[in-house]
Amino acid sequence: MNWKAIKTEEEHVKAVKRMIEIFHAEPNTPEDDELKILCLLVKDYEDKKHPMPELNALDEAFDDVANGRVHSHEQAMAKIKSRFSKHFK
């Protein structure tokens, strides 16, 4: 199949399903080439649509717990959500 940039969730689902189908493709086969292309396209789409929080957010949360600035999971999550609200819609 000729894949193009993934622009919709429907295309994303279709690409992921295809990746699962050909996940164990033999090296140096057309399916192996397709899998490599799909991995790049899916990663690009997911990076744009579902960005991961910066690692420093996690480091700050661990530091808060280690230094006694938060005392529960709920406090830690509330602090993280207030600092990085764009990631918690």
C-alpha atoms as a PDB file:
ATOM      1  CA  MET A   1       0.000   0.000   0.000  1.00  0.00           C
ATOM      2  CA  ASN A   2       1.166   3.535  -0.674  1.00  0.00           C
ATOM      3  CA  TRP A   3       1.071   5.364   2.641  1.00  0.00           C
ATOM      4  CA  LYS A   4       0.972   9.152   3.018  1.00  0.00           C
ATOM      5  CA  ALA A   5       1.189  11.460   6.007  1.00  0.00           C
ATOM      6  CA  ILE A   6      -1.418  10.555   8.624  1.00  0.00           C
ATOM      7  CA  LYS A   7      -3.820  13.458   9.128  1.00  0.00           C
ATOM      8  CA  THR A   8      -6.858  11.993  10.893  1.00  0.00           C
ATOM      9  CA  GLU A   9      -7.568   9.645  13.769  1.00  0.00           C
ATOM     10  CA  GLU A  10      -9.216   7.266  11.294  1.00  0.00           C
ATOM     11  CA  GLU A  11      -6.022   7.094   9.235  1.00  0.00           C
ATOM     12  CA  HIS A  12      -4.040   6.620  12.449  1.00  0.00           C
ATOM     13  CA  VAL A  13      -6.158   3.660  13.512  1.00  0.00           C
ATOM     14  CA  LYS A  14      -5.853   2.112  10.062  1.00  0.00           C
ATOM     15  CA  ALA A  15      -2.053   2.501  10.122  1.00  0.00           C
ATOM     16  CA  VAL A  16      -1.711   1.028  13.615  1.00  0.00           C
ATOM     17  CA  LYS A  17      -3.879  -1.953  12.669  1.00  0.00           C
ATOM     18  CA  ARG A  18      -1.688  -2.561   9.636  1.00  0.00           C
ATOM     19  CA  MET A  19       1.451  -2.296  11.792  1.00  0.00           C
ATOM     20  CA  ILE A  20       0.064  -5.007  14.058  1.00  0.00           C
ATOM     21  CA  GLU A  21      -0.693  -7.228  11.057  1.00  0.00           C
ATOM     22  CA  ILE A  22       2.858  -7.028   9.694  1.00  0.00           C
ATOM     23  CA  PHE A  23       4.758  -6.619  12.967  1.00  0.00           C
ATOM     24  CA  HIS A  24       6.738  -9.835  12.473  1.00  0.00           C
ATOM     25  CA  ALA A  25       7.653  -9.172   8.852  1.00  0.00           C
ATOM     26  CA  GLU A  26      10.810 -10.855   7.639  1.00  0.00           C
ATOM     27  CA  PRO A  27      13.741  -8.455   7.189  1.00  0.00           C
ATOM     28  CA  ASN A  28      14.314  -7.004   3.720  1.00  0.00           C
ATOM     29  CA  THR A  29      10.813  -7.747   2.469  1.00  0.00           C
ATOM     30  CA  PRO A  30       8.162  -5.355   1.156  1.00  0.00           C
ATOM     31  CA  GLU A  31       6.245  -5.797   4.426  1.00  0.00           C
ATOM     32  CA  ASP A  32       9.379  -4.891   6.402  1.00  0.00           C
ATOM     33  CA  ASP A  33       9.736  -1.710   4.333  1.00  0.00           C
ATOM     34  CA  GLU A  34       6.064  -0.919   4.865  1.00  0.00           C
ATOM     35  CA  LEU A  35       6.410  -1.449   8.614  1.00  0.00           C
ATOM     36  CA  LYS A  36       9.353   0.955   8.790  1.00  0.00           C
ATOM     37  CA  ILE A  37       7.409   3.610   6.898  1.00  0.00           C
ATOM     38  CA  LEU A  38       4.349   3.111   9.081  1.00  0.00           C
ATOM     39  CA  CYS A  39       6.431   3.438  12.244  1.00  0.00           C
ATOM     40  CA  LEU A  40       7.696   6.823  11.067  1.00  0.00           C
ATOM     41  CA  LEU A  41       4.260   8.035  10.003  1.00  0.00           C
ATOM     42  CA  VAL A  42       2.551   6.895  13.207  1.00  0.00           C
ATOM     43  CA  LYS A  43       5.253   8.415  15.408  1.00  0.00           C
ATOM     44  CA  ASP A  44       5.000  11.720  13.544  1.00  0.00           C
ATOM     45  CA  TYR A  45       1.206  11.791  13.935  1.00  0.00           C
ATOM     46  CA  GLU A  46       1.329  10.844  17.620  1.00  0.00           C
ATOM     47  CA  ASP A  47       4.057  13.383  18.389  1.00  0.00           C
ATOM     48  CA  LYS A  48       1.860  16.110  16.885  1.00  0.00           C
ATOM     49  CA  LYS A  49      -1.523  15.011  18.250  1.00  0.00           C
ATOM     50  CA  HIS A  50      -0.523  13.502  21.602  1.00  0.00           C
ATOM     51  CA  PRO A  51       2.662  15.213  22.806  1.00  0.00           C
ATOM     52  CA  MET A  52       4.326  13.831  25.883  1.00  0.00           C
ATOM     53  CA  PRO A  53       5.026  16.150  28.827  1.00  0.00           C
ATOM     54  CA  GLU A  54       8.565  17.347  29.130  1.00  0.00           C
ATOM     55  CA  LEU A  55      10.804  15.084  31.189  1.00  0.00           C
ATOM     56  CA  ASN A  56      11.581  17.916  33.549  1.00  0.00           C
ATOM     57  CA  ALA A  57       7.943  17.733  34.739  1.00  0.00           C
ATOM     58  CA  LEU A  58       8.601  14.237  36.030  1.00  0.00           C
ATOM     59  CA  ASP A  59      11.938  15.240  37.513  1.00  0.00           C
ATOM     60  CA  GLU A  60      10.271  18.127  39.337  1.00  0.00           C
ATOM     61  CA  ALA A  61       7.564  15.835  40.683  1.00  0.00           C
ATOM     62  CA  PHE A  62      10.124  13.353  42.010  1.00  0.00           C
ATOM     63  CA  ASP A  63      12.082  16.211  43.561  1.00  0.00           C
ATOM     64  CA  ASP A  64       8.934  17.540  45.270  1.00  0.00           C
ATOM     65  CA  VAL A  65       8.253  14.127  46.803  1.00  0.00           C
ATOM     66  CA  ALA A  66      11.884  13.547  47.797  1.00  0.00           C
ATOM     67  CA  ASN A  67      12.131  16.942  49.498  1.00  0.00           C
ATOM     68  CA  GLY A  68       8.813  16.763  51.319  1.00  0.00           C
ATOM     69  CA  ARG A  69       7.024  19.500  49.347  1.00  0.00           C
ATOM     70  CA  VAL A  70       4.161  17.095  48.601  1.00  0.00           C
ATOM     71  CA  HIS A  71       2.948  14.297  50.823  1.00  0.00           C
ATOM     72  CA  SER A  72       0.479  12.375  48.693  1.00  0.00           C
ATOM     73  CA  HIS A  73      -0.142  11.227  45.162  1.00  0.00           C
ATOM     74  CA  GLU A  74      -3.073  13.648  44.942  1.00  0.00           C
ATOM     75  CA  GLN A  75      -0.888  16.620  45.935  1.00  0.00           C
ATOM     76  CA  ALA A  76       1.780  15.622  43.426  1.00  0.00           C
ATOM     77  CA  MET A  77      -0.751  15.279  40.601  1.00  0.00           C
ATOM     78  CA  ALA A  78      -2.409  18.600  41.468  1.00  0.00           C
ATOM     79  CA  LYS A  79       0.963  20.346  41.359  1.00  0.00           C
ATOM     80  CA  ILE A  80       1.935  18.705  38.058  1.00  0.00           C
ATOM     81  CA  LYS A  81      -1.436  19.556  36.502  1.00  0.00           C
ATOM     82  CA  SER A  82      -1.149  23.191  37.552  1.00  0.00           C
ATOM     83  CA  ARG A  83       2.403  23.492  36.135  1.00  0.00           C
ATOM     84  CA  PHE A  84       1.678  21.686  32.884  1.00  0.00           C
ATOM     85  CA  SER A  85      -2.014  22.357  32.297  1.00  0.00           C
ATOM     86  CA  LYS A  86      -1.697  22.209  28.504  1.00  0.00           C
ATOM     87  CA  HIS A  87      -1.045  18.462  28.803  1.00  0.00           C
ATOM     88  CA  PHE A  88      -4.146  17.821  30.961  1.00  0.00           C
ATOM     89  CA  LYS A  89      -7.166  18.903  28.950  1.00  0.00           C
END
